[in-house]
PDB file of N, CA and C in Angstrom:
ATOM      1  N   ARG A   1     104.070 145.044 107.723  1.00  0.00           N
ATOM      2  CA  ARG A   1     104.485 143.785 108.317  1.00  0.00           C
ATOM      3  C   ARG A   1     105.296 143.000 107.295  1.00  0.00           C
ATOM      4  N   SER A   2     106.303 142.327 107.765  1.00  0.00           N
ATOM      5  CA  SER A   2     107.165 141.593 106.849  1.00  0.00           C
ATOM      6  C   SER A   2     106.699 140.164 106.627  1.00  0.00           C
ATOM      7  N   THR A   3     105.945 139.600 107.560  1.00  0.00           N
ATOM      8  CA  THR A   3     105.491 138.220 107.445  1.00  0.00           C
ATOM      9  C   THR A   3     104.079 138.176 106.877  1.00  0.00           C
ATOM     10  N   ALA A   4     103.948 137.562 105.705  1.00  0.00           N
ATOM     11  CA  ALA A   4     102.627 137.410 105.094  1.00  0.00           C
ATOM     12  C   ALA A   4     102.150 135.987 105.344  1.00  0.00           C
ATOM     13  N   HIS A   5     101.100 135.857 106.082  1.00  0.00           N
ATOM     14  CA  HIS A   5     100.538 134.533 106.397  1.00  0.00           C
ATOM     15  C   HIS A   5      99.016 134.661 106.412  1.00  0.00           C
ATOM     16  N   PRO A   6      98.298 133.672 105.882  1.00  0.00           N
ATOM     17  CA  PRO A   6      96.834 133.756 105.851  1.00  0.00           C
ATOM     18  C   PRO A   6      96.189 133.989 107.214  1.00  0.00           C
ATOM     19  N   GLU A   7      96.742 133.407 108.254  1.00  0.00           N
ATOM     20  CA  GLU A   7      96.150 133.592 109.591  1.00  0.00           C
ATOM     21  C   GLU A   7      96.348 135.009 110.103  1.00  0.00           C
ATOM     22  N   ILE A   8      97.487 135.622 109.756  1.00  0.00           N
ATOM     23  CA  ILE A   8      97.714 137.012 110.157  1.00  0.00           C
ATOM     24  C   ILE A   8      96.740 137.911 109.404  1.00  0.00           C
ATOM     25  N   ALA A   9      96.583 137.665 108.111  1.00  0.00           N
ATOM     26  CA  ALA A   9      95.641 138.453 107.309  1.00  0.00           C
ATOM     27  C   ALA A   9      94.222 138.311 107.849  1.00  0.00           C
ATOM     28  N   SER A  10      93.828 137.103 108.189  1.00  0.00           N
ATOM     29  CA  SER A  10      92.496 136.856 108.729  1.00  0.00           C
ATOM     30  C   SER A  10      92.293 137.598 110.055  1.00  0.00           C
ATOM     31  N   THR A  11      93.303 137.567 110.904  1.00  0.00           N
ATOM     32  CA  THR A  11      93.206 138.242 112.195  1.00  0.00           C
ATOM     33  C   THR A  11      93.159 139.753 112.024  1.00  0.00           C
ATOM     34  N   LEU A  12      93.931 140.290 111.080  1.00  0.00           N
ATOM     35  CA  LEU A  12      93.852 141.718 110.784  1.00  0.00           C
ATOM     36  C   LEU A  12      92.449 142.096 110.309  1.00  0.00           C
ATOM     37  N   ASN A  13      91.865 141.244 109.482  1.00  0.00           N
ATOM     38  CA  ASN A  13      90.514 141.484 108.994  1.00  0.00           C
ATOM     39  C   ASN A  13      89.513 141.458 110.151  1.00  0.00           C
ATOM     40  N   ASN A  14      89.663 140.505 111.056  1.00  0.00           N
ATOM     41  CA  ASN A  14      88.792 140.431 112.231  1.00  0.00           C
ATOM     42  C   ASN A  14      88.971 141.652 113.131  1.00  0.00           C
ATOM     43  N   LEU A  15      90.205 142.091 113.280  1.00  0.00           N
ATOM     44  CA  LEU A  15      90.485 143.283 114.074  1.00  0.00           C
ATOM     45  C   LEU A  15      89.806 144.497 113.444  1.00  0.00           C
ATOM     46  N   GLY A  16      89.883 144.589 112.122  1.00  0.00           N
ATOM     47  CA  GLY A  16      89.197 145.675 111.415  1.00  0.00           C
ATOM     48  C   GLY A  16      87.701 145.644 111.661  1.00  0.00           C
ATOM     49  N   SER A  17      87.123 144.466 111.623  1.00  0.00           N
ATOM     50  CA  SER A  17      85.678 144.335 111.885  1.00  0.00           C
ATOM     51  C   SER A  17      85.325 144.795 113.300  1.00  0.00           C
ATOM     52  N   THR A  18      86.188 144.491 114.241  1.00  0.00           N
ATOM     53  CA  THR A  18      85.939 144.893 115.623  1.00  0.00           C
ATOM     54  C   THR A  18      86.043 146.405 115.784  1.00  0.00           C
ATOM     55  N   TYR A  19      87.051 147.005 115.138  1.00  0.00           N
ATOM     56  CA  TYR A  19      87.144 148.470 115.160  1.00  0.00           C
ATOM     57  C   TYR A  19      85.898 149.097 114.543  1.00  0.00           C
ATOM     58  N   ASN A  20      85.387 148.470 113.475  1.00  0.00           N
ATOM     59  CA  ASN A  20      84.164 148.964 112.851  1.00  0.00           C
ATOM     60  C   ASN A  20      83.017 148.952 113.854  1.00  0.00           C
ATOM     61  N   GLU A  21      82.875 147.853 114.572  1.00  0.00           N
ATOM     62  CA  GLU A  21      81.793 147.732 115.553  1.00  0.00           C
ATOM     63  C   GLU A  21      81.926 148.764 116.665  1.00  0.00           C
ATOM     64  N   GLN A  22      83.150 149.187 116.951  1.00  0.00           N
ATOM     65  CA  GLN A  22      83.381 150.219 117.962  1.00  0.00           C
ATOM     66  C   GLN A  22      83.197 151.627 117.400  1.00  0.00           C
ATOM     67  N   GLY A  23      83.013 151.718 116.077  1.00  0.00           N
ATOM     68  CA  GLY A  23      82.818 153.021 115.455  1.00  0.00           C
ATOM     69  C   GLY A  23      84.102 153.698 115.008  1.00  0.00           C
ATOM     70  N   ASP A  24      85.235 153.007 115.116  1.00  0.00           N
ATOM     71  CA  ASP A  24      86.515 153.567 114.680  1.00  0.00           C
ATOM     72  C   ASP A  24      86.765 153.107 113.238  1.00  0.00           C
ATOM     73  N   TYR A  25      86.059 153.737 112.297  1.00  0.00           N
ATOM     74  CA  TYR A  25      86.058 153.286 110.904  1.00  0.00           C
ATOM     75  C   TYR A  25      87.401 153.497 110.220  1.00  0.00           C
ATOM     76  N   GLU A  26      88.107 154.578 110.570  1.00  0.00           N
ATOM     77  CA  GLU A  26      89.422 154.799 109.973  1.00  0.00           C
ATOM     78  C   GLU A  26      90.392 153.682 110.351  1.00  0.00           C
ATOM     79  N   LYS A  27      90.394 153.304 111.625  1.00  0.00           N
ATOM     80  CA  LYS A  27      91.263 152.210 112.086  1.00  0.00           C
ATOM     81  C   LYS A  27      90.811 150.896 111.459  1.00  0.00           C
ATOM     82  N   ALA A  28      89.512 150.726 111.299  1.00  0.00           N
ATOM     83  CA  ALA A  28      88.979 149.518 110.670  1.00  0.00           C
ATOM     84  C   ALA A  28      89.487 149.405 109.232  1.00  0.00           C
ATOM     85  N   ILE A  29      89.448 150.510 108.505  1.00  0.00           N
ATOM     86  CA  ILE A  29      89.928 150.513 107.124  1.00  0.00           C
ATOM     87  C   ILE A  29      91.419 150.224 107.085  1.00  0.00           C
ATOM     88  N   GLU A  30      92.160 150.821 107.991  1.00  0.00           N
ATOM     89  CA  GLU A  30      93.605 150.607 108.048  1.00  0.00           C
ATOM     90  C   GLU A  30      93.927 149.116 108.223  1.00  0.00           C
ATOM     91  N   CYS A  31      93.264 148.464 109.163  1.00  0.00           N
ATOM     92  CA  CYS A  31      93.505 147.037 109.408  1.00  0.00           C
ATOM     93  C   CYS A  31      93.074 146.191 108.212  1.00  0.00           C
ATOM     94  N   SER A  32      91.914 146.498 107.655  1.00  0.00           N
ATOM     95  CA  SER A  32      91.399 145.723 106.529  1.00  0.00           C
ATOM     96  C   SER A  32      92.257 145.915 105.279  1.00  0.00           C
ATOM     97  N   GLU A  33      92.737 147.131 105.054  1.00  0.00           N
ATOM     98  CA  GLU A  33      93.625 147.376 103.908  1.00  0.00           C
ATOM     99  C   GLU A  33      94.933 146.611 104.071  1.00  0.00           C
ATOM    100  N   GLU A  34      95.441 146.547 105.301  1.00  0.00           N
ATOM    101  CA  GLU A  34      96.657 145.776 105.555  1.00  0.00           C
ATOM    102  C   GLU A  34      96.405 144.286 105.297  1.00  0.00           C
ATOM    103  N   ALA A  35      95.246 143.801 105.706  1.00  0.00           N
ATOM    104  CA  ALA A  35      94.873 142.407 105.444  1.00  0.00           C
ATOM    105  C   ALA A  35      94.781 142.159 103.939  1.00  0.00           C
ATOM    106  N   LEU A  36      94.180 143.107 103.207  1.00  0.00           N
ATOM    107  CA  LEU A  36      94.040 142.969 101.762  1.00  0.00           C
ATOM    108  C   LEU A  36      95.408 142.918 101.084  1.00  0.00           C
ATOM    109  N   GLN A  37      96.309 143.805 101.474  1.00  0.00           N
ATOM    110  CA  GLN A  37      97.660 143.794 100.905  1.00  0.00           C
ATOM    111  C   GLN A  37      98.360 142.470 101.187  1.00  0.00           C
ATOM    112  N   MET A  38      98.189 141.975 102.402  1.00  0.00           N
ATOM    113  CA  MET A  38      98.824 140.718 102.768  1.00  0.00           C
ATOM    114  C   MET A  38      98.231 139.556 101.964  1.00  0.00           C
ATOM    115  N   ASP A  39      96.908 139.519 101.838  1.00  0.00           N
ATOM    116  CA  ASP A  39      96.267 138.464 101.037  1.00  0.00           C
ATOM    117  C   ASP A  39      96.763 138.494  99.600  1.00  0.00           C
ATOM    118  N   ARG A  40      96.877 139.692  99.045  1.00  0.00           N
ATOM    119  CA  ARG A  40      97.343 139.795  97.656  1.00  0.00           C
ATOM    120  C   ARG A  40      98.797 139.386  97.522  1.00  0.00           C
ATOM    121  N   LYS A  41      99.578 139.623  98.557  1.00  0.00           N
ATOM    122  CA  LYS A  41     100.975 139.163  98.559  1.00  0.00           C
ATOM    123  C   LYS A  41     101.030 137.635  98.612  1.00  0.00           C
ATOM    124  N   ILE A  42     100.139 137.049  99.377  1.00  0.00           N
ATOM    125  CA  ILE A  42     100.101 135.594  99.545  1.00  0.00           C
ATOM    126  C   ILE A  42      99.558 134.914  98.290  1.00  0.00           C
ATOM    127  N   TYR A  43      98.409 135.374  97.803  1.00  0.00           N
ATOM    128  CA  TYR A  43      97.690 134.681  96.728  1.00  0.00           C
ATOM    129  C   TYR A  43      97.982 135.235  95.334  1.00  0.00           C
ATOM    130  N   GLY A  44      98.568 136.422  95.268  1.00  0.00           N
ATOM    131  CA  GLY A  44      98.825 137.068  93.992  1.00  0.00           C
ATOM    132  C   GLY A  44      97.930 138.274  93.837  1.00  0.00           C
ATOM    133  N   HIS A  45      98.470 139.325  93.248  1.00  0.00           N
ATOM    134  CA  HIS A  45      97.751 140.594  93.170  1.00  0.00           C
ATOM    135  C   HIS A  45      96.419 140.469  92.427  1.00  0.00           C
ATOM    136  N   ASN A  46      96.376 139.665  91.389  1.00  0.00           N
ATOM    137  CA  ASN A  46      95.147 139.527  90.596  1.00  0.00           C
ATOM    138  C   ASN A  46      94.387 138.244  90.899  1.00  0.00           C
ATOM    139  N   ALA A  47      94.775 137.564  91.970  1.00  0.00           N
ATOM    140  CA  ALA A  47      94.133 136.295  92.318  1.00  0.00           C
ATOM    141  C   ALA A  47      92.712 136.522  92.802  1.00  0.00           C
ATOM    142  N   GLU A  48      91.872 135.531  92.565  1.00  0.00           N
ATOM    143  CA  GLU A  48      90.511 135.535  93.095  1.00  0.00           C
ATOM    144  C   GLU A  48      90.445 134.493  94.191  1.00  0.00           C
ATOM    145  N   ASN A  49      90.138 134.950  95.384  1.00  0.00           N
ATOM    146  CA  ASN A  49      90.185 134.111  96.570  1.00  0.00           C
ATOM    147  C   ASN A  49      89.101 134.590  97.526  1.00  0.00           C
ATOM    148  N   SER A  50      88.461 133.684  98.227  1.00  0.00           N
ATOM    149  CA  SER A  50      87.369 134.079  99.120  1.00  0.00           C
ATOM    150  C   SER A  50      87.844 134.972 100.257  1.00  0.00           C
ATOM    151  N   SER A  51      89.074 134.810 100.698  1.00  0.00           N
ATOM    152  CA  SER A  51      89.605 135.671 101.748  1.00  0.00           C
ATOM    153  C   SER A  51      89.745 137.111 101.245  1.00  0.00           C
ATOM    154  N   ILE A  52      90.224 137.272 100.026  1.00  0.00           N
ATOM    155  CA  ILE A  52      90.343 138.601  99.427  1.00  0.00           C
ATOM    156  C   ILE A  52      88.951 139.217  99.257  1.00  0.00           C
ATOM    157  N   ALA A  53      88.001 138.429  98.762  1.00  0.00           N
ATOM    158  CA  ALA A  53      86.641 138.924  98.554  1.00  0.00           C
ATOM    159  C   ALA A  53      86.001 139.348  99.874  1.00  0.00           C
ATOM    160  N   THR A  54      86.208 138.582 100.917  1.00  0.00           N
ATOM    161  CA  THR A  54      85.654 138.923 102.231  1.00  0.00           C
ATOM    162  C   THR A  54      86.248 140.232 102.739  1.00  0.00           C
ATOM    163  N   THR A  55      87.552 140.394 102.548  1.00  0.00           N
ATOM    164  CA  THR A  55      88.198 141.631 102.985  1.00  0.00           C
ATOM    165  C   THR A  55      87.684 142.825 102.195  1.00  0.00           C
ATOM    166  N   LEU A  56      87.516 142.666 100.876  1.00  0.00           N
ATOM    167  CA  LEU A  56      86.951 143.739 100.059  1.00  0.00           C
ATOM    168  C   LEU A  56      85.556 144.111 100.559  1.00  0.00           C
ATOM    169  N   ASN A  57      84.764 143.105 100.895  1.00  0.00           N
ATOM    170  CA  ASN A  57      83.418 143.339 101.419  1.00  0.00           C
ATOM    171  C   ASN A  57      83.475 144.114 102.734  1.00  0.00           C
ATOM    172  N   ASN A  58      84.393 143.737 103.610  1.00  0.00           N
ATOM    173  CA  ASN A  58      84.519 144.428 104.895  1.00  0.00           C
ATOM    174  C   ASN A  58      84.960 145.876 104.710  1.00  0.00           C
ATOM    175  N   ILE A  59      85.878 146.115 103.775  1.00  0.00           N
ATOM    176  CA  ILE A  59      86.299 147.488 103.514  1.00  0.00           C
ATOM    177  C   ILE A  59      85.114 148.298 102.996  1.00  0.00           C
ATOM    178  N   GLY A  60      84.302 147.681 102.153  1.00  0.00           N
ATOM    179  CA  GLY A  60      83.089 148.353 101.686  1.00  0.00           C
ATOM    180  C   GLY A  60      82.182 148.743 102.832  1.00  0.00           C
ATOM    181  N   SER A  61      82.025 147.859 103.791  1.00  0.00           N
ATOM    182  CA  SER A  61      81.190 148.166 104.961  1.00  0.00           C
ATOM    183  C   SER A  61      81.751 149.334 105.756  1.00  0.00           C
ATOM    184  N   ASN A  62      83.077 149.383 105.888  1.00  0.00           N
ATOM    185  CA  ASN A  62      83.702 150.489 106.607  1.00  0.00           C
ATOM    186  C   ASN A  62      83.443 151.821 105.904  1.00  0.00           C
ATOM    187  N   TRP A  63      83.601 151.842 104.588  1.00  0.00           N
ATOM    188  CA  TRP A  63      83.347 153.076 103.838  1.00  0.00           C
ATOM    189  C   TRP A  63      81.871 153.463 103.906  1.00  0.00           C
ATOM    190  N   ARG A  64      80.986 152.454 103.863  1.00  0.00           N
ATOM    191  CA  ARG A  64      79.553 152.737 104.009  1.00  0.00           C
ATOM    192  C   ARG A  64      79.282 153.409 105.347  1.00  0.00           C
ATOM    193  N   ASP A  65      79.857 152.861 106.393  1.00  0.00           N
ATOM    194  CA  ASP A  65      79.619 153.409 107.729  1.00  0.00           C
ATOM    195  C   ASP A  65      80.240 154.790 107.903  1.00  0.00           C
ATOM    196  N   LEU A  66      81.279 155.089 107.118  1.00  0.00           N
ATOM    197  CA  LEU A  66      81.867 156.426 107.130  1.00  0.00           C
ATOM    198  C   LEU A  66      81.041 157.408 106.290  1.00  0.00           C
ATOM    199  N   GLY A  67      80.111 156.872 105.506  1.00  0.00           N
ATOM    200  CA  GLY A  67      79.246 157.716 104.690  1.00  0.00           C
ATOM    201  C   GLY A  67      79.718 157.915 103.264  1.00  0.00           C
ATOM    202  N   ASP A  68      80.802 157.252 102.871  1.00  0.00           N
ATOM    203  CA  ASP A  68      81.286 157.369 101.498  1.00  0.00           C
ATOM    204  C   ASP A  68      80.701 156.208 100.690  1.00  0.00           C
ATOM    205  N   HIS A  69      79.471 156.400 100.241  1.00  0.00           N
ATOM    206  CA  HIS A  69      78.744 155.315  99.586  1.00  0.00           C
ATOM    207  C   HIS A  69      79.336 154.933  98.238  1.00  0.00           C
ATOM    208  N   ASN A  70      79.937 155.876  97.528  1.00  0.00           N
ATOM    209  CA  ASN A  70      80.555 155.532  96.246  1.00  0.00           C
ATOM    210  C   ASN A  70      81.731 154.588  96.436  1.00  0.00           C
ATOM    211  N   LYS A  71      82.583 154.874  97.433  1.00  0.00           N
ATOM    212  CA  LYS A  71      83.693 153.955  97.724  1.00  0.00           C
ATOM    213  C   LYS A  71      83.151 152.611  98.194  1.00  0.00           C
ATOM    214  N   ALA A  72      82.121 152.642  99.022  1.00  0.00           N
ATOM    215  CA  ALA A  72      81.525 151.400  99.516  1.00  0.00           C
ATOM    216  C   ALA A  72      81.041 150.547  98.349  1.00  0.00           C
ATOM    217  N   ILE A  73      80.317 151.162  97.421  1.00  0.00           N
ATOM    218  CA  ILE A  73      79.806 150.425  96.264  1.00  0.00           C
ATOM    219  C   ILE A  73      80.944 149.831  95.460  1.00  0.00           C
ATOM    220  N   SER A  74      82.022 150.592  95.277  1.00  0.00           N
ATOM    221  CA  SER A  74      83.167 150.093  94.523  1.00  0.00           C
ATOM    222  C   SER A  74      83.738 148.825  95.147  1.00  0.00           C
ATOM    223  N   TYR A  75      83.932 148.855  96.455  1.00  0.00           N
ATOM    224  CA  TYR A  75      84.473 147.671  97.145  1.00  0.00           C
ATOM    225  C   TYR A  75      83.477 146.518  97.144  1.00  0.00           C
ATOM    226  N   TYR A  76      82.187 146.823  97.364  1.00  0.00           N
ATOM    227  CA  TYR A  76      81.171 145.772  97.329  1.00  0.00           C
ATOM    228  C   TYR A  76      81.106 145.113  95.953  1.00  0.00           C
ATOM    229  N   GLU A  77      81.196 145.915  94.895  1.00  0.00           N
ATOM    230  CA  GLU A  77      81.138 145.348  93.546  1.00  0.00           C
ATOM    231  C   GLU A  77      82.354 144.465  93.258  1.00  0.00           C
ATOM    232  N   GLN A  78      83.524 144.890  93.728  1.00  0.00           N
ATOM    233  CA  GLN A  78      84.718 144.056  93.558  1.00  0.00           C
ATOM    234  C   GLN A  78      84.544 142.716  94.287  1.00  0.00           C
ATOM    235  N   ALA A  79      84.027 142.788  95.500  1.00  0.00           N
ATOM    236  CA  ALA A  79      83.808 141.568  96.282  1.00  0.00           C
ATOM    237  C   ALA A  79      82.775 140.671  95.606  1.00  0.00           C
ATOM    238  N   LEU A  80      81.669 141.264  95.157  1.00  0.00           N
ATOM    239  CA  LEU A  80      80.619 140.490  94.503  1.00  0.00           C
ATOM    240  C   LEU A  80      81.145 139.806  93.249  1.00  0.00           C
ATOM    241  N   GLN A  81      81.888 140.542  92.431  1.00  0.00           N
ATOM    242  CA  GLN A  81      82.446 139.966  91.205  1.00  0.00           C
ATOM    243  C   GLN A  81      83.343 138.779  91.533  1.00  0.00           C
ATOM    244  N   MET A  82      84.168 138.934  92.547  1.00  0.00           N
ATOM    245  CA  MET A  82      85.082 137.858  92.917  1.00  0.00           C
ATOM    246  C   MET A  82      84.309 136.651  93.459  1.00  0.00           C
ATOM    247  N   PHE A  83      83.331 136.895  94.333  1.00  0.00           N
ATOM    248  CA  PHE A  83      82.532 135.785  94.851  1.00  0.00           C
ATOM    249  C   PHE A  83      81.780 135.081  93.721  1.00  0.00           C
ATOM    250  N   GLU A  84      81.228 135.860  92.786  1.00  0.00           N
ATOM    251  CA  GLU A  84      80.517 135.244  91.661  1.00  0.00           C
ATOM    252  C   GLU A  84      81.460 134.414  90.796  1.00  0.00           C
ATOM    253  N   ASN A  85      82.662 134.903  90.572  1.00  0.00           N
ATOM    254  CA  ASN A  85      83.634 134.137  89.792  1.00  0.00           C
ATOM    255  C   ASN A  85      84.023 132.849  90.501  1.00  0.00           C
ATOM    256  N   LEU A  86      84.044 132.897  91.821  1.00  0.00           N
ATOM    257  CA  LEU A  86      84.411 131.710  92.600  1.00  0.00           C
ATOM    258  C   LEU A  86      83.254 130.733  92.772  1.00  0.00           C
ATOM    259  N   PHE A  87      82.038 131.260  92.992  1.00  0.00           N
ATOM    260  CA  PHE A  87      80.924 130.417  93.423  1.00  0.00           C
ATOM    261  C   PHE A  87      79.697 130.443  92.519  1.00  0.00           C
ATOM    262  N   GLY A  88      79.693 131.297  91.506  1.00  0.00           N
ATOM    263  CA  GLY A  88      78.544 131.384  90.612  1.00  0.00           C
ATOM    264  C   GLY A  88      77.857 132.725  90.716  1.00  0.00           C
ATOM    265  N   ARG A  89      77.132 133.044  89.698  1.00  0.00           N
ATOM    266  CA  ARG A  89      76.472 134.340  89.552  1.00  0.00           C
ATOM    267  C   ARG A  89      75.318 134.504  90.526  1.00  0.00           C
ATOM    268  N   SER A  90      75.140 135.741  90.998  1.00  0.00           N
ATOM    269  CA  SER A  90      74.008 136.043  91.878  1.00  0.00           C
ATOM    270  C   SER A  90      72.830 136.516  91.010  1.00  0.00           C
ATOM    271  N   THR A  91      71.699 136.660  91.644  1.00  0.00           N
ATOM    272  CA  THR A  91      70.521 137.155  90.936  1.00  0.00           C
ATOM    273  C   THR A  91      70.357 138.657  91.082  1.00  0.00           C
ATOM    274  N   CYS A  92      71.199 139.276  91.887  1.00  0.00           N
ATOM    275  CA  CYS A  92      71.149 140.721  92.102  1.00  0.00           C
ATOM    276  C   CYS A  92      71.731 141.417  90.868  1.00  0.00           C
ATOM    277  N   THR A  93      71.014 142.417  90.391  1.00  0.00           N
ATOM    278  CA  THR A  93      71.540 143.171  89.252  1.00  0.00           C
ATOM    279  C   THR A  93      72.002 144.537  89.734  1.00  0.00           C
ATOM    280  N   VAL A  94      73.100 144.996  89.181  1.00  0.00           N
ATOM    281  CA  VAL A  94      73.649 146.282  89.531  1.00  0.00           C
ATOM    282  C   VAL A  94      73.126 147.318  88.550  1.00  0.00           C
ATOM    283  N   HIS A  95      72.732 148.456  89.067  1.00  0.00           N
ATOM    284  CA  HIS A  95      72.220 149.525  88.219  1.00  0.00           C
ATOM    285  C   HIS A  95      73.290 149.923  87.200  1.00  0.00           C
ATOM    286  N   PRO A  96      72.942 150.091  85.923  1.00  0.00           N
ATOM    287  CA  PRO A  96      73.957 150.377  84.896  1.00  0.00           C
ATOM    288  C   PRO A  96      74.719 151.674  85.111  1.00  0.00           C
ATOM    289  N   LEU A  97      74.133 152.633  85.833  1.00  0.00           N
ATOM    290  CA  LEU A  97      74.854 153.874  86.092  1.00  0.00           C
ATOM    291  C   LEU A  97      75.908 153.703  87.185  1.00  0.00           C
ATOM    292  N   ILE A  98      75.789 152.641  87.960  1.00  0.00           N
ATOM    293  CA  ILE A  98      76.758 152.374  89.026  1.00  0.00           C
ATOM    294  C   ILE A  98      77.887 151.495  88.502  1.00  0.00           C
ATOM    295  N   ALA A  99      77.544 150.537  87.681  1.00  0.00           N
ATOM    296  CA  ALA A  99      78.538 149.557  87.209  1.00  0.00           C
ATOM    297  C   ALA A  99      79.585 150.147  86.315  1.00  0.00           C
TER     298      ALA A  99
END
């Protein structure tokens, strides 16, 4: 898509979530990845933003539901790190072999 706008990214993310609920995890990942690319175009590739963190979390859920737990953990950890940087540290500790 040529137009990067936060509302388009948000809607793509919502569409991905809906595909996930329907069990179409590949399509869900496709939509969520497009939302992530758009968010990074809008906010900056290395920016920390709650919209980016939410999208990372959703992509993690899609990979979890596809059964690729290592990819899911990677996306969840990225989302958690970003949320913690934005809102403060959580009390959940990550196993050292995973981190």
